[in-house]
């Protein structure tokens, strides 16, 4: 099922949402979503299909040492998102066509982004994927809650992004 500005479309097409990619008006596409919802798979498919540069934000974080600590309770890195956004904005300014892959990408200011794709996944499938990644029960619960409450989509909309939702546990054509 696809959601687009709170409207629901039938399962038979993520293509309806992704058909917007046929337009040449999108030069900066961000792909965000809860961990394990298919961001990387979809971002790489888009980059390949449209011949866009693919940016893995985890590589940017590591390469530029943007990790400022580790949150033991949440079992996650603490990232300086202001520095990250500044680096990504510079990358955007120096690129013609780019796909940025990260659950942090929706924090970029809307004026630098043409399209924000939020990946979603059914809860049973998401739980299975998170277990396969070796996440703790607490981390799995945190991510399932983020998916239930539509955290990434809500935050992207609050930032003013042009948001399209893609369900990654369905067949996705780009």
C-alpha atoms as a PDB file:
ATOM      1  CA  UNK A   1       0.000   0.000   0.000  1.00  0.00           C
ATOM      2  CA  UNK A   2       1.204   3.506  -0.781  1.00  0.00           C
ATOM      3  CA  UNK A   3       0.410   6.609   1.182  1.00  0.00           C
ATOM      4  CA  UNK A   4       0.705  10.018  -0.378  1.00  0.00           C
ATOM      5  CA  UNK A   5      -0.351  13.005   1.696  1.00  0.00           C
ATOM      6  CA  UNK A   6      -2.597  10.717   3.797  1.00  0.00           C
ATOM      7  CA  UNK A   7      -4.371   9.247   0.760  1.00  0.00           C
ATOM      8  CA  UNK A   8      -4.125   5.486   0.305  1.00  0.00           C
ATOM      9  CA  UNK A   9      -3.565   3.771  -3.015  1.00  0.00           C
ATOM     10  CA  UNK A  10      -3.885   0.097  -3.794  1.00  0.00           C
ATOM     11  CA  UNK A  11      -0.995  -2.277  -3.318  1.00  0.00           C
ATOM     12  CA  UNK A  12      -0.694  -2.746  -7.031  1.00  0.00           C
ATOM     13  CA  UNK A  13       1.482   0.166  -7.266  1.00  0.00           C
ATOM     14  CA  UNK A  14       4.465   1.727  -5.806  1.00  0.00           C
ATOM     15  CA  UNK A  15       4.798   2.568  -9.498  1.00  0.00           C
ATOM     16  CA  UNK A  16       2.123   5.241  -9.020  1.00  0.00           C
ATOM     17  CA  UNK A  17       4.372   6.977  -6.492  1.00  0.00           C
ATOM     18  CA  UNK A  18       7.636   6.269  -8.250  1.00  0.00           C
ATOM     19  CA  UNK A  19       6.276   7.319 -11.631  1.00  0.00           C
ATOM     20  CA  UNK A  20       7.090  10.865 -10.513  1.00  0.00           C
ATOM     21  CA  UNK A  21      10.713   9.888 -11.088  1.00  0.00           C
ATOM     22  CA  UNK A  22      10.104   9.893 -14.830  1.00  0.00           C
ATOM     23  CA  UNK A  23      10.099  13.663 -14.554  1.00  0.00           C
ATOM     24  CA  UNK A  24      13.410  15.422 -15.048  1.00  0.00           C
ATOM     25  CA  UNK A  25      12.532  18.074 -12.478  1.00  0.00           C
ATOM     26  CA  UNK A  26      14.006  16.100  -9.570  1.00  0.00           C
ATOM     27  CA  UNK A  27      17.749  16.556  -9.160  1.00  0.00           C
ATOM     28  CA  UNK A  28      18.086  15.971  -5.414  1.00  0.00           C
ATOM     29  CA  UNK A  29      16.242  12.974  -4.010  1.00  0.00           C
ATOM     30  CA  UNK A  30      16.516  11.889  -0.401  1.00  0.00           C
ATOM     31  CA  UNK A  31      15.462   8.453   0.802  1.00  0.00           C
ATOM     32  CA  UNK A  32      14.613   8.175   4.486  1.00  0.00           C
ATOM     33  CA  UNK A  33      12.759   5.774   6.727  1.00  0.00           C
ATOM     34  CA  UNK A  34      13.045   3.591   9.782  1.00  0.00           C
ATOM     35  CA  UNK A  35      16.108   1.296   9.752  1.00  0.00           C
ATOM     36  CA  UNK A  36      15.536  -1.896   7.695  1.00  0.00           C
ATOM     37  CA  UNK A  37      12.608  -0.529   5.660  1.00  0.00           C
ATOM     38  CA  UNK A  38      14.516  -0.710   2.366  1.00  0.00           C
ATOM     39  CA  UNK A  39      16.118   2.738   2.034  1.00  0.00           C
ATOM     40  CA  UNK A  40      19.380   1.524   0.572  1.00  0.00           C
ATOM     41  CA  UNK A  41      17.776  -0.888  -1.890  1.00  0.00           C
ATOM     42  CA  UNK A  42      15.391   1.758  -3.193  1.00  0.00           C
ATOM     43  CA  UNK A  43      17.976   4.570  -3.199  1.00  0.00           C
ATOM     44  CA  UNK A  44      20.437   2.441  -5.196  1.00  0.00           C
ATOM     45  CA  UNK A  45      17.704   1.423  -7.669  1.00  0.00           C
ATOM     46  CA  UNK A  46      16.784   5.072  -8.234  1.00  0.00           C
ATOM     47  CA  UNK A  47      20.409   6.160  -8.608  1.00  0.00           C
ATOM     48  CA  UNK A  48      21.104   3.371 -11.101  1.00  0.00           C
ATOM     49  CA  UNK A  49      17.926   3.895 -13.117  1.00  0.00           C
ATOM     50  CA  UNK A  50      18.324   7.685 -13.337  1.00  0.00           C
ATOM     51  CA  UNK A  51      22.141   7.641 -13.520  1.00  0.00           C
ATOM     52  CA  UNK A  52      22.369   9.777 -10.362  1.00  0.00           C
ATOM     53  CA  UNK A  53      25.200   9.887  -7.873  1.00  0.00           C
ATOM     54  CA  UNK A  54      24.429   7.675  -4.866  1.00  0.00           C
ATOM     55  CA  UNK A  55      25.442   8.991  -1.427  1.00  0.00           C
ATOM     56  CA  UNK A  56      25.508   6.659   1.573  1.00  0.00           C
ATOM     57  CA  UNK A  57      25.341   9.000   4.568  1.00  0.00           C
ATOM     58  CA  UNK A  58      26.942   6.363   6.808  1.00  0.00           C
ATOM     59  CA  UNK A  59      30.077   6.641   4.661  1.00  0.00           C
ATOM     60  CA  UNK A  60      29.955  10.454   4.892  1.00  0.00           C
ATOM     61  CA  UNK A  61      29.654  10.220   8.689  1.00  0.00           C
ATOM     62  CA  UNK A  62      32.562   7.804   8.970  1.00  0.00           C
ATOM     63  CA  UNK A  63      34.799   9.606   6.464  1.00  0.00           C
ATOM     64  CA  UNK A  64      34.275  12.996   8.125  1.00  0.00           C
ATOM     65  CA  UNK A  65      34.307  11.710  11.717  1.00  0.00           C
ATOM     66  CA  UNK A  66      30.864  13.117  12.559  1.00  0.00           C
ATOM     67  CA  UNK A  67      30.255  10.615  15.325  1.00  0.00           C
ATOM     68  CA  UNK A  68      30.443  12.532  18.600  1.00  0.00           C
ATOM     69  CA  UNK A  69      29.813   9.569  20.878  1.00  0.00           C
ATOM     70  CA  UNK A  70      27.793   6.464  21.438  1.00  0.00           C
ATOM     71  CA  UNK A  71      24.426   6.191  23.174  1.00  0.00           C
ATOM     72  CA  UNK A  72      24.672   2.903  25.094  1.00  0.00           C
ATOM     73  CA  UNK A  73      21.005   2.939  26.119  1.00  0.00           C
ATOM     74  CA  UNK A  74      19.756   3.352  22.535  1.00  0.00           C
ATOM     75  CA  UNK A  75      22.621   1.316  21.045  1.00  0.00           C
ATOM     76  CA  UNK A  76      23.370   3.961  18.427  1.00  0.00           C
ATOM     77  CA  UNK A  77      25.941   6.507  17.343  1.00  0.00           C
ATOM     78  CA  UNK A  78      25.471  10.148  18.290  1.00  0.00           C
ATOM     79  CA  UNK A  79      25.811  12.229  15.123  1.00  0.00           C
ATOM     80  CA  UNK A  80      26.399  15.947  14.773  1.00  0.00           C
ATOM     81  CA  UNK A  81      23.509  16.544  12.364  1.00  0.00           C
ATOM     82  CA  UNK A  82      24.369  20.221  11.866  1.00  0.00           C
ATOM     83  CA  UNK A  83      27.836  19.335  10.552  1.00  0.00           C
ATOM     84  CA  UNK A  84      26.346  16.468   8.560  1.00  0.00           C
ATOM     85  CA  UNK A  85      23.784  18.764   6.926  1.00  0.00           C
ATOM     86  CA  UNK A  86      26.493  21.305   6.070  1.00  0.00           C
ATOM     87  CA  UNK A  87      28.571  18.596   4.355  1.00  0.00           C
ATOM     88  CA  UNK A  88      25.540  17.241   2.487  1.00  0.00           C
ATOM     89  CA  UNK A  89      24.515  20.736   1.362  1.00  0.00           C
ATOM     90  CA  UNK A  90      28.010  21.267  -0.066  1.00  0.00           C
ATOM     91  CA  UNK A  91      27.755  17.905  -1.836  1.00  0.00           C
ATOM     92  CA  UNK A  92      24.363  18.893  -3.245  1.00  0.00           C
ATOM     93  CA  UNK A  93      25.717  22.237  -4.469  1.00  0.00           C
ATOM     94  CA  UNK A  94      28.540  20.430  -6.274  1.00  0.00           C
ATOM     95  CA  UNK A  95      26.364  17.718  -7.830  1.00  0.00           C
ATOM     96  CA  UNK A  96      23.879  17.822 -10.652  1.00  0.00           C
ATOM     97  CA  UNK A  97      21.830  14.755  -9.794  1.00  0.00           C
ATOM     98  CA  UNK A  98      22.053  12.989  -6.465  1.00  0.00           C
ATOM     99  CA  UNK A  99      20.260  10.412  -4.309  1.00  0.00           C
ATOM    100  CA  UNK A 100      20.992  10.635  -0.573  1.00  0.00           C
ATOM    101  CA  UNK A 101      20.339   7.508   1.493  1.00  0.00           C
ATOM    102  CA  UNK A 102      19.857   7.845   5.262  1.00  0.00           C
ATOM    103  CA  UNK A 103      17.271   7.876   8.014  1.00  0.00           C
ATOM    104  CA  UNK A 104      18.809  11.295   8.813  1.00  0.00           C
ATOM    105  CA  UNK A 105      18.412  12.745   5.308  1.00  0.00           C
ATOM    106  CA  UNK A 106      15.008  14.299   5.997  1.00  0.00           C
ATOM    107  CA  UNK A 107      16.724  16.747   8.381  1.00  0.00           C
ATOM    108  CA  UNK A 108      18.156  18.546   5.344  1.00  0.00           C
ATOM    109  CA  UNK A 109      16.463  21.896   4.725  1.00  0.00           C
ATOM    110  CA  UNK A 110      13.673  21.591   2.148  1.00  0.00           C
ATOM    111  CA  UNK A 111      15.181  24.213  -0.161  1.00  0.00           C
ATOM    112  CA  UNK A 112      17.985  21.769  -1.057  1.00  0.00           C
ATOM    113  CA  UNK A 113      15.729  18.771  -1.747  1.00  0.00           C
ATOM    114  CA  UNK A 114      13.375  18.152  -4.666  1.00  0.00           C
ATOM    115  CA  UNK A 115      11.823  14.889  -3.503  1.00  0.00           C
ATOM    116  CA  UNK A 116      11.779  12.977  -0.202  1.00  0.00           C
ATOM    117  CA  UNK A 117      10.954   9.284  -0.445  1.00  0.00           C
ATOM    118  CA  UNK A 118      10.003   7.669   2.851  1.00  0.00           C
ATOM    119  CA  UNK A 119      10.354   3.897   2.866  1.00  0.00           C
ATOM    120  CA  UNK A 120       7.926   1.898   4.959  1.00  0.00           C
ATOM    121  CA  UNK A 121       7.490  -1.775   5.670  1.00  0.00           C
ATOM    122  CA  UNK A 122       4.896  -4.025   7.267  1.00  0.00           C
ATOM    123  CA  UNK A 123       5.599  -4.544  10.962  1.00  0.00           C
ATOM    124  CA  UNK A 124       6.045  -8.331  10.800  1.00  0.00           C
ATOM    125  CA  UNK A 125       8.496  -8.000   7.917  1.00  0.00           C
ATOM    126  CA  UNK A 126      10.309  -5.148   9.651  1.00  0.00           C
ATOM    127  CA  UNK A 127      10.659  -7.143  12.870  1.00  0.00           C
ATOM    128  CA  UNK A 128      12.058 -10.069  10.860  1.00  0.00           C
ATOM    129  CA  UNK A 129      14.602  -7.792   9.121  1.00  0.00           C
ATOM    130  CA  UNK A 130      15.684  -6.166  12.393  1.00  0.00           C
ATOM    131  CA  UNK A 131      16.163  -9.595  14.017  1.00  0.00           C
ATOM    132  CA  UNK A 132      18.250 -10.678  11.013  1.00  0.00           C
ATOM    133  CA  UNK A 133      20.470  -7.651  11.646  1.00  0.00           C
ATOM    134  CA  UNK A 134      20.989  -8.787  15.226  1.00  0.00           C
ATOM    135  CA  UNK A 135      19.228  -5.860  16.870  1.00  0.00           C
ATOM    136  CA  UNK A 136      18.429  -6.167  20.581  1.00  0.00           C
ATOM    137  CA  UNK A 137      14.783  -6.578  21.623  1.00  0.00           C
ATOM    138  CA  UNK A 138      14.829  -2.993  22.941  1.00  0.00           C
ATOM    139  CA  UNK A 139      16.226  -1.651  19.641  1.00  0.00           C
ATOM    140  CA  UNK A 140      13.661  -3.658  17.679  1.00  0.00           C
ATOM    141  CA  UNK A 141      10.853  -2.205  19.838  1.00  0.00           C
ATOM    142  CA  UNK A 142      12.207   1.338  19.336  1.00  0.00           C
ATOM    143  CA  UNK A 143      12.280   0.902  15.556  1.00  0.00           C
ATOM    144  CA  UNK A 144       8.862  -0.747  15.406  1.00  0.00           C
ATOM    145  CA  UNK A 145       7.488   2.178  17.418  1.00  0.00           C
ATOM    146  CA  UNK A 146       9.123   4.627  14.990  1.00  0.00           C
ATOM    147  CA  UNK A 147       7.410   2.810  12.132  1.00  0.00           C
ATOM    148  CA  UNK A 148       4.044   2.654  13.899  1.00  0.00           C
ATOM    149  CA  UNK A 149       4.130   6.373  14.680  1.00  0.00           C
ATOM    150  CA  UNK A 150       5.406   7.286  11.180  1.00  0.00           C
ATOM    151  CA  UNK A 151       8.301   9.195  12.736  1.00  0.00           C
ATOM    152  CA  UNK A 152      10.395   9.718   9.588  1.00  0.00           C
ATOM    153  CA  UNK A 153       7.389  10.685   7.454  1.00  0.00           C
ATOM    154  CA  UNK A 154       6.071  13.082  10.103  1.00  0.00           C
ATOM    155  CA  UNK A 155       9.463  14.726  10.598  1.00  0.00           C
ATOM    156  CA  UNK A 156       9.949  15.022   6.803  1.00  0.00           C
ATOM    157  CA  UNK A 157       6.534  16.661   6.454  1.00  0.00           C
ATOM    158  CA  UNK A 158       7.319  19.004   9.359  1.00  0.00           C
ATOM    159  CA  UNK A 159      10.477  20.038   7.471  1.00  0.00           C
ATOM    160  CA  UNK A 160       8.235  20.879   4.495  1.00  0.00           C
ATOM    161  CA  UNK A 161       9.572  18.200   2.135  1.00  0.00           C
ATOM    162  CA  UNK A 162       7.717  16.950  -0.929  1.00  0.00           C
ATOM    163  CA  UNK A 163       7.067  13.481   0.543  1.00  0.00           C
ATOM    164  CA  UNK A 164       6.212  10.255  -1.268  1.00  0.00           C
ATOM    165  CA  UNK A 165       5.868   6.960   0.601  1.00  0.00           C
ATOM    166  CA  UNK A 166       7.063   3.643  -0.832  1.00  0.00           C
ATOM    167  CA  UNK A 167       6.304   0.300   0.787  1.00  0.00           C
ATOM    168  CA  UNK A 168       9.415  -1.825   0.422  1.00  0.00           C
ATOM    169  CA  UNK A 169       7.793  -5.139   1.304  1.00  0.00           C
ATOM    170  CA  UNK A 170       5.925  -4.921  -1.990  1.00  0.00           C
ATOM    171  CA  UNK A 171       7.445  -5.217  -5.466  1.00  0.00           C
ATOM    172  CA  UNK A 172       9.161  -1.914  -6.255  1.00  0.00           C
ATOM    173  CA  UNK A 173       9.799  -0.810  -9.811  1.00  0.00           C
ATOM    174  CA  UNK A 174      11.746   2.355 -10.469  1.00  0.00           C
END
